[in-house]
């Protein structure tokens, strides 16, 4: 487990993430958004080999 994810989990468990003015972003959210973007490009017919390779990794 990397440090950012561990820190996020500790804050979530202790409910201290609400004490910050700017909410902390879940590190998995960026990966999820990138996956959705790549999946959408494939569904629209963009079968660029680089996009397919990135989606599989």
PDB file of N, CA and C in Angstrom:
ATOM      1  N   UNK A   1       0.857  -1.176   0.000  1.00  0.00           N
ATOM      2  CA  UNK A   1       0.000   0.000   0.000  1.00  0.00           C
ATOM      3  C   UNK A   1       0.904   1.242   0.000  1.00  0.00           C
ATOM      4  N   UNK A   2       0.697   2.146  -0.933  1.00  0.00           N
ATOM      5  CA  UNK A   2       1.551   3.320  -0.981  1.00  0.00           C
ATOM      6  C   UNK A   2       1.148   4.337   0.090  1.00  0.00           C
ATOM      7  N   UNK A   3       2.040   5.298   0.321  1.00  0.00           N
ATOM      8  CA  UNK A   3       1.858   6.251   1.421  1.00  0.00           C
ATOM      9  C   UNK A   3       0.602   7.096   1.279  1.00  0.00           C
ATOM     10  N   UNK A   4       0.318   7.586   0.073  1.00  0.00           N
ATOM     11  CA  UNK A   4      -0.859   8.442  -0.116  1.00  0.00           C
ATOM     12  C   UNK A   4      -2.146   7.684   0.180  1.00  0.00           C
ATOM     13  N   UNK A   5      -2.201   6.456  -0.291  1.00  0.00           N
ATOM     14  CA  UNK A   5      -3.410   5.656  -0.065  1.00  0.00           C
ATOM     15  C   UNK A   5      -3.566   5.328   1.418  1.00  0.00           C
ATOM     16  N   UNK A   6      -2.454   4.992   2.086  1.00  0.00           N
ATOM     17  CA  UNK A   6      -2.494   4.705   3.514  1.00  0.00           C
ATOM     18  C   UNK A   6      -2.944   5.937   4.293  1.00  0.00           C
ATOM     19  N   UNK A   7      -2.397   7.106   3.950  1.00  0.00           N
ATOM     20  CA  UNK A   7      -2.778   8.354   4.608  1.00  0.00           C
ATOM     21  C   UNK A   7      -4.265   8.632   4.405  1.00  0.00           C
ATOM     22  N   UNK A   8      -4.748   8.431   3.185  1.00  0.00           N
ATOM     23  CA  UNK A   8      -6.164   8.648   2.883  1.00  0.00           C
ATOM     24  C   UNK A   8      -7.048   7.709   3.706  1.00  0.00           C
ATOM     25  N   UNK A   9      -6.633   6.451   3.821  1.00  0.00           N
ATOM     26  CA  UNK A   9      -7.412   5.483   4.595  1.00  0.00           C
ATOM     27  C   UNK A   9      -7.434   5.844   6.078  1.00  0.00           C
ATOM     28  N   UNK A  10      -6.303   6.300   6.617  1.00  0.00           N
ATOM     29  CA  UNK A  10      -6.257   6.705   8.027  1.00  0.00           C
ATOM     30  C   UNK A  10      -7.188   7.882   8.262  1.00  0.00           C
ATOM     31  N   UNK A  11      -7.161   8.866   7.375  1.00  0.00           N
ATOM     32  CA  UNK A  11      -8.049  10.022   7.518  1.00  0.00           C
ATOM     33  C   UNK A  11      -9.510   9.611   7.405  1.00  0.00           C
ATOM     34  N   UNK A  12      -9.808   8.678   6.513  1.00  0.00           N
ATOM     35  CA  UNK A  12     -11.186   8.228   6.338  1.00  0.00           C
ATOM     36  C   UNK A  12     -11.681   7.500   7.582  1.00  0.00           C
ATOM     37  N   UNK A  13     -10.850   6.646   8.142  1.00  0.00           N
ATOM     38  CA  UNK A  13     -11.243   5.877   9.323  1.00  0.00           C
ATOM     39  C   UNK A  13     -11.447   6.784  10.527  1.00  0.00           C
ATOM     40  N   UNK A  14     -10.577   7.780  10.684  1.00  0.00           N
ATOM     41  CA  UNK A  14     -10.666   8.670  11.847  1.00  0.00           C
ATOM     42  C   UNK A  14     -11.603   9.846  11.614  1.00  0.00           C
ATOM     43  N   UNK A  15     -12.167   9.942  10.418  1.00  0.00           N
ATOM     44  CA  UNK A  15     -13.095  11.018  10.054  1.00  0.00           C
ATOM     45  C   UNK A  15     -12.464  12.408  10.184  1.00  0.00           C
ATOM     46  N   UNK A  16     -11.159  12.500  10.014  1.00  0.00           N
ATOM     47  CA  UNK A  16     -10.498  13.805  10.075  1.00  0.00           C
ATOM     48  C   UNK A  16     -10.369  14.453   8.704  1.00  0.00           C
ATOM     49  N   UNK A  17     -10.772  13.769   7.641  1.00  0.00           N
ATOM     50  CA  UNK A  17     -10.692  14.385   6.320  1.00  0.00           C
ATOM     51  C   UNK A  17     -11.638  15.565   6.206  1.00  0.00           C
ATOM     52  N   UNK A  18     -12.634  15.633   7.087  1.00  0.00           N
ATOM     53  CA  UNK A  18     -13.588  16.739   7.054  1.00  0.00           C
ATOM     54  C   UNK A  18     -13.036  17.993   7.716  1.00  0.00           C
ATOM     55  N   UNK A  19     -11.894  17.892   8.368  1.00  0.00           N
ATOM     56  CA  UNK A  19     -11.283  19.033   9.033  1.00  0.00           C
ATOM     57  C   UNK A  19     -10.518  19.928   8.058  1.00  0.00           C
ATOM     58  N   UNK A  20     -10.208  19.433   6.887  1.00  0.00           N
ATOM     59  CA  UNK A  20      -9.453  20.197   5.902  1.00  0.00           C
ATOM     60  C   UNK A  20     -10.396  21.071   5.081  1.00  0.00           C
ATOM     61  N   UNK A  21      -9.911  22.271   4.708  1.00  0.00           N
ATOM     62  CA  UNK A  21     -10.730  23.158   3.874  1.00  0.00           C
ATOM     63  C   UNK A  21     -10.937  22.551   2.493  1.00  0.00           C
ATOM     64  N   UNK A  22      -9.871  22.089   1.887  1.00  0.00           N
ATOM     65  CA  UNK A  22      -9.952  21.467   0.569  1.00  0.00           C
ATOM     66  C   UNK A  22     -10.038  19.959   0.767  1.00  0.00           C
ATOM     67  N   UNK A  23     -11.073  19.327   0.250  1.00  0.00           N
ATOM     68  CA  UNK A  23     -11.199  17.881   0.443  1.00  0.00           C
ATOM     69  C   UNK A  23     -10.068  17.137  -0.256  1.00  0.00           C
ATOM     70  N   UNK A  24      -9.603  16.069   0.357  1.00  0.00           N
ATOM     71  CA  UNK A  24      -8.552  15.259  -0.231  1.00  0.00           C
ATOM     72  C   UNK A  24      -9.144  14.377  -1.319  1.00  0.00           C
ATOM     73  N   UNK A  25      -8.427  14.272  -2.424  1.00  0.00           N
ATOM     74  CA  UNK A  25      -8.883  13.448  -3.535  1.00  0.00           C
ATOM     75  C   UNK A  25      -8.434  12.008  -3.316  1.00  0.00           C
ATOM     76  N   UNK A  26      -9.304  11.100  -3.614  1.00  0.00           N
ATOM     77  CA  UNK A  26      -8.969   9.684  -3.538  1.00  0.00           C
ATOM     78  C   UNK A  26      -8.001   9.384  -4.681  1.00  0.00           C
ATOM     79  N   UNK A  27      -6.842   8.786  -4.399  1.00  0.00           N
ATOM     80  CA  UNK A  27      -5.875   8.533  -5.478  1.00  0.00           C
ATOM     81  C   UNK A  27      -6.408   7.579  -6.545  1.00  0.00           C
ATOM     82  N   UNK A  28      -7.389   6.775  -6.204  1.00  0.00           N
ATOM     83  CA  UNK A  28      -7.958   5.853  -7.184  1.00  0.00           C
ATOM     84  C   UNK A  28      -8.903   6.566  -8.147  1.00  0.00           C
ATOM     85  N   UNK A  29      -9.389   7.740  -7.769  1.00  0.00           N
ATOM     86  CA  UNK A  29     -10.347   8.473  -8.604  1.00  0.00           C
ATOM     87  C   UNK A  29      -9.711   8.903  -9.931  1.00  0.00           C
ATOM     88  N   UNK A  30      -8.444   9.332  -9.893  1.00  0.00           N
ATOM     89  CA  UNK A  30      -7.764   9.740 -11.128  1.00  0.00           C
ATOM     90  C   UNK A  30      -7.627   8.554 -12.079  1.00  0.00           C
ATOM     91  N   UNK A  31      -7.302   7.385 -11.536  1.00  0.00           N
ATOM     92  CA  UNK A  31      -7.184   6.196 -12.374  1.00  0.00           C
ATOM     93  C   UNK A  31      -8.528   5.804 -12.974  1.00  0.00           C
ATOM     94  N   UNK A  32      -9.578   5.944 -12.196  1.00  0.00           N
ATOM     95  CA  UNK A  32     -10.918   5.608 -12.674  1.00  0.00           C
ATOM     96  C   UNK A  32     -11.326   6.543 -13.810  1.00  0.00           C
ATOM     97  N   UNK A  33     -11.046   7.840 -13.662  1.00  0.00           N
ATOM     98  CA  UNK A  33     -11.387   8.805 -14.703  1.00  0.00           C
ATOM     99  C   UNK A  33     -10.608   8.535 -15.988  1.00  0.00           C
ATOM    100  N   UNK A  34      -9.330   8.182 -15.864  1.00  0.00           N
ATOM    101  CA  UNK A  34      -8.517   7.869 -17.039  1.00  0.00           C
ATOM    102  C   UNK A  34      -9.064   6.626 -17.745  1.00  0.00           C
ATOM    103  N   UNK A  35      -9.466   5.620 -16.977  1.00  0.00           N
ATOM    104  CA  UNK A  35     -10.046   4.401 -17.552  1.00  0.00           C
ATOM    105  C   UNK A  35     -11.329   4.719 -18.315  1.00  0.00           C
ATOM    106  N   UNK A  36     -12.187   5.535 -17.724  1.00  0.00           N
ATOM    107  CA  UNK A  36     -13.451   5.896 -18.372  1.00  0.00           C
ATOM    108  C   UNK A  36     -13.189   6.643 -19.679  1.00  0.00           C
ATOM    109  N   UNK A  37     -12.185   7.532 -19.668  1.00  0.00           N
ATOM    110  CA  UNK A  37     -11.846   8.289 -20.876  1.00  0.00           C
ATOM    111  C   UNK A  37     -11.354   7.355 -21.982  1.00  0.00           C
ATOM    112  N   UNK A  38     -10.425   6.454 -21.639  1.00  0.00           N
ATOM    113  CA  UNK A  38      -9.891   5.534 -22.640  1.00  0.00           C
ATOM    114  C   UNK A  38     -10.969   4.589 -23.160  1.00  0.00           C
ATOM    115  N   UNK A  39     -11.820   4.107 -22.281  1.00  0.00           N
ATOM    116  CA  UNK A  39     -12.913   3.216 -22.680  1.00  0.00           C
ATOM    117  C   UNK A  39     -13.852   3.933 -23.650  1.00  0.00           C
ATOM    118  N   UNK A  40     -14.134   5.213 -23.379  1.00  0.00           N
ATOM    119  CA  UNK A  40     -14.991   5.997 -24.262  1.00  0.00           C
ATOM    120  C   UNK A  40     -14.381   6.185 -25.636  1.00  0.00           C
ATOM    121  N   UNK A  41     -13.064   6.407 -25.687  1.00  0.00           N
ATOM    122  CA  UNK A  41     -12.402   6.568 -26.980  1.00  0.00           C
ATOM    123  C   UNK A  41     -12.485   5.284 -27.798  1.00  0.00           C
ATOM    124  N   UNK A  42     -12.301   4.151 -27.142  1.00  0.00           N
ATOM    125  CA  UNK A  42     -12.401   2.866 -27.844  1.00  0.00           C
ATOM    126  C   UNK A  42     -13.823   2.653 -28.346  1.00  0.00           C
ATOM    127  N   UNK A  43     -14.814   2.979 -27.521  1.00  0.00           N
ATOM    128  CA  UNK A  43     -16.216   2.791 -27.911  1.00  0.00           C
ATOM    129  C   UNK A  43     -16.598   3.688 -29.088  1.00  0.00           C
ATOM    130  N   UNK A  44     -15.937   4.844 -29.217  1.00  0.00           N
ATOM    131  CA  UNK A  44     -16.224   5.750 -30.325  1.00  0.00           C
ATOM    132  C   UNK A  44     -15.519   5.332 -31.615  1.00  0.00           C
ATOM    133  N   UNK A  45     -14.703   4.282 -31.539  1.00  0.00           N
ATOM    134  CA  UNK A  45     -14.069   3.777 -32.747  1.00  0.00           C
ATOM    135  C   UNK A  45     -12.614   4.143 -32.899  1.00  0.00           C
ATOM    136  N   UNK A  46     -12.033   4.802 -31.935  1.00  0.00           N
ATOM    137  CA  UNK A  46     -10.620   5.145 -32.006  1.00  0.00           C
ATOM    138  C   UNK A  46      -9.823   3.931 -31.547  1.00  0.00           C
ATOM    139  N   UNK A  47      -9.352   3.138 -32.504  1.00  0.00           N
ATOM    140  CA  UNK A  47      -8.633   1.915 -32.159  1.00  0.00           C
ATOM    141  C   UNK A  47      -7.118   2.094 -32.325  1.00  0.00           C
ATOM    142  N   UNK A  48      -6.623   3.239 -31.923  1.00  0.00           N
ATOM    143  CA  UNK A  48      -5.201   3.518 -31.940  1.00  0.00           C
ATOM    144  C   UNK A  48      -4.494   2.477 -31.069  1.00  0.00           C
ATOM    145  N   UNK A  49      -3.447   1.821 -31.577  1.00  0.00           N
ATOM    146  CA  UNK A  49      -2.763   0.784 -30.796  1.00  0.00           C
ATOM    147  C   UNK A  49      -2.217   1.289 -29.456  1.00  0.00           C
ATOM    148  N   UNK A  50      -1.797   2.539 -29.400  1.00  0.00           N
ATOM    149  CA  UNK A  50      -1.286   3.085 -28.138  1.00  0.00           C
ATOM    150  C   UNK A  50      -2.395   3.173 -27.090  1.00  0.00           C
ATOM    151  N   UNK A  51      -3.585   3.551 -27.508  1.00  0.00           N
ATOM    152  CA  UNK A  51      -4.717   3.647 -26.579  1.00  0.00           C
ATOM    153  C   UNK A  51      -5.107   2.259 -26.096  1.00  0.00           C
ATOM    154  N   UNK A  52      -5.141   1.297 -27.010  1.00  0.00           N
ATOM    155  CA  UNK A  52      -5.489  -0.077 -26.633  1.00  0.00           C
ATOM    156  C   UNK A  52      -4.459  -0.619 -25.646  1.00  0.00           C
ATOM    157  N   UNK A  53      -3.178  -0.356 -25.918  1.00  0.00           N
ATOM    158  CA  UNK A  53      -2.111  -0.828 -25.026  1.00  0.00           C
ATOM    159  C   UNK A  53      -2.244  -0.190 -23.647  1.00  0.00           C
ATOM    160  N   UNK A  54      -2.501   1.111 -23.597  1.00  0.00           N
ATOM    161  CA  UNK A  54      -2.637   1.806 -22.318  1.00  0.00           C
ATOM    162  C   UNK A  54      -3.857   1.309 -21.547  1.00  0.00           C
ATOM    163  N   UNK A  55      -4.918   0.991 -22.243  1.00  0.00           N
ATOM    164  CA  UNK A  55      -6.127   0.489 -21.589  1.00  0.00           C
ATOM    165  C   UNK A  55      -5.896  -0.893 -20.987  1.00  0.00           C
ATOM    166  N   UNK A  56      -5.091  -1.700 -21.638  1.00  0.00           N
ATOM    167  CA  UNK A  56      -4.823  -3.049 -21.133  1.00  0.00           C
ATOM    168  C   UNK A  56      -3.874  -3.053 -19.943  1.00  0.00           C
ATOM    169  N   UNK A  57      -3.076  -2.004 -19.769  1.00  0.00           N
ATOM    170  CA  UNK A  57      -2.117  -1.983 -18.645  1.00  0.00           C
ATOM    171  C   UNK A  57      -2.698  -1.394 -17.408  1.00  0.00           C
TER     172      UNK A  57
END
